[in-house]
Amino acid sequence: MKRPSFFKKFLEYLGITWFLHAYMWIVLTPWFFFALNFTLEQYLTWVWQAPIYALVTNYPMGLLIERFLPWYRKKIRYNE
């Protein structure tokens, strides 16, 4: 069996949520804000404050999602 590459191990180490966060903040958020007619000032305020809030509270959104995903899956399974 082939050894996993350094890049693959590095991705595993960082965790996929880090990339999802980066993609969300850099690519997706501006579209939502400008589509909803937010001003640039409001957008920058949110983009700078939300990650700081996440760091200060030590409970970023990725962890929140990871924490409640199993519960949500179970909920879906039992509702079928």
Protein backbone atom coordinates (compact mmCIF):
# COMPACT_ATOMS: atom_id res chain seq x y z
CA MET A 1 0.00 0.00 0.00
CA LYS A 2 1.30 3.46 -0.96
CA ARG A 3 2.28 5.86 1.82
CA PRO A 4 0.00 8.92 2.04
CA SER A 5 1.66 12.05 0.66
CA PHE A 6 2.86 14.88 2.86
CA PHE A 7 0.17 17.14 1.38
CA LYS A 8 -2.57 14.67 2.28
CA LYS A 9 -1.25 14.38 5.83
CA PHE A 10 -0.96 18.16 6.04
CA LEU A 11 -4.59 18.58 4.93
CA GLU A 12 -5.65 16.04 7.52
CA TYR A 13 -3.64 17.92 10.16
CA LEU A 14 -5.21 21.27 9.35
CA GLY A 15 -8.69 19.82 9.08
CA ILE A 16 -11.11 20.52 6.25
CA THR A 17 -13.03 23.11 8.28
CA TRP A 18 -10.08 25.52 8.01
CA PHE A 19 -10.42 25.52 4.21
CA LEU A 20 -14.20 25.84 4.40
CA HIS A 21 -13.82 28.85 6.71
CA ALA A 22 -11.31 30.48 4.38
CA TYR A 23 -13.54 29.86 1.36
CA MET A 24 -16.62 31.11 3.18
CA TRP A 25 -15.04 34.37 4.40
CA ILE A 26 -13.08 35.21 1.26
CA VAL A 27 -15.41 34.05 -1.54
CA LEU A 28 -19.00 33.59 -0.35
CA THR A 29 -19.60 36.32 2.24
CA PRO A 30 -19.08 39.35 -0.06
CA TRP A 31 -21.74 38.04 -2.46
CA PHE A 32 -24.31 37.67 0.32
CA PHE A 33 -23.56 41.08 1.77
CA PHE A 34 -23.63 43.00 -1.48
CA ALA A 35 -26.67 41.10 -2.74
CA LEU A 36 -28.50 42.26 0.40
CA ASN A 37 -27.41 45.89 -0.25
CA PHE A 38 -25.06 46.09 2.71
CA THR A 39 -22.53 48.89 2.59
CA LEU A 40 -18.82 48.20 2.35
CA GLU A 41 -18.41 49.54 5.88
CA GLN A 42 -21.00 47.11 7.29
CA TYR A 43 -19.39 44.24 5.39
CA LEU A 44 -15.89 45.03 6.66
CA THR A 45 -17.19 45.43 10.21
CA TRP A 46 -18.75 41.97 10.13
CA VAL A 47 -15.84 40.26 8.37
CA TRP A 48 -13.32 41.67 10.88
CA GLN A 49 -15.43 41.25 14.01
CA ALA A 50 -16.88 37.77 13.53
CA PRO A 51 -13.53 35.88 13.42
CA ILE A 52 -12.31 37.93 16.42
CA TYR A 53 -15.51 37.02 18.28
CA ALA A 54 -14.98 33.37 17.36
CA LEU A 55 -11.40 33.48 18.67
CA VAL A 56 -12.36 35.29 21.88
CA THR A 57 -15.23 32.92 22.67
CA ASN A 58 -13.05 29.98 21.57
CA TYR A 59 -16.03 28.41 19.80
CA PRO A 60 -15.80 29.01 16.04
CA MET A 61 -18.57 28.00 13.65
CA GLY A 62 -16.71 24.96 12.32
CA LEU A 63 -16.59 23.42 15.78
CA LEU A 64 -20.24 24.27 16.27
CA ILE A 65 -21.11 22.43 13.04
CA GLU A 66 -18.88 19.46 13.95
CA ARG A 67 -20.46 19.36 17.41
CA PHE A 68 -24.08 19.26 16.24
CA LEU A 69 -23.75 17.35 12.95
CA PRO A 70 -24.07 13.85 14.53
CA TRP A 71 -27.18 14.99 16.44
CA TYR A 72 -28.67 16.42 13.24
CA ARG A 73 -27.93 13.22 11.29
CA LYS A 74 -29.61 11.16 14.00
CA LYS A 75 -32.62 13.51 13.95
CA ILE A 76 -32.94 13.10 10.17
CA ARG A 77 -32.60 9.30 10.44
CA TYR A 78 -35.38 9.01 13.05
CA ASN A 79 -37.73 11.32 11.16
CA GLU A 80 -37.80 9.06 8.10
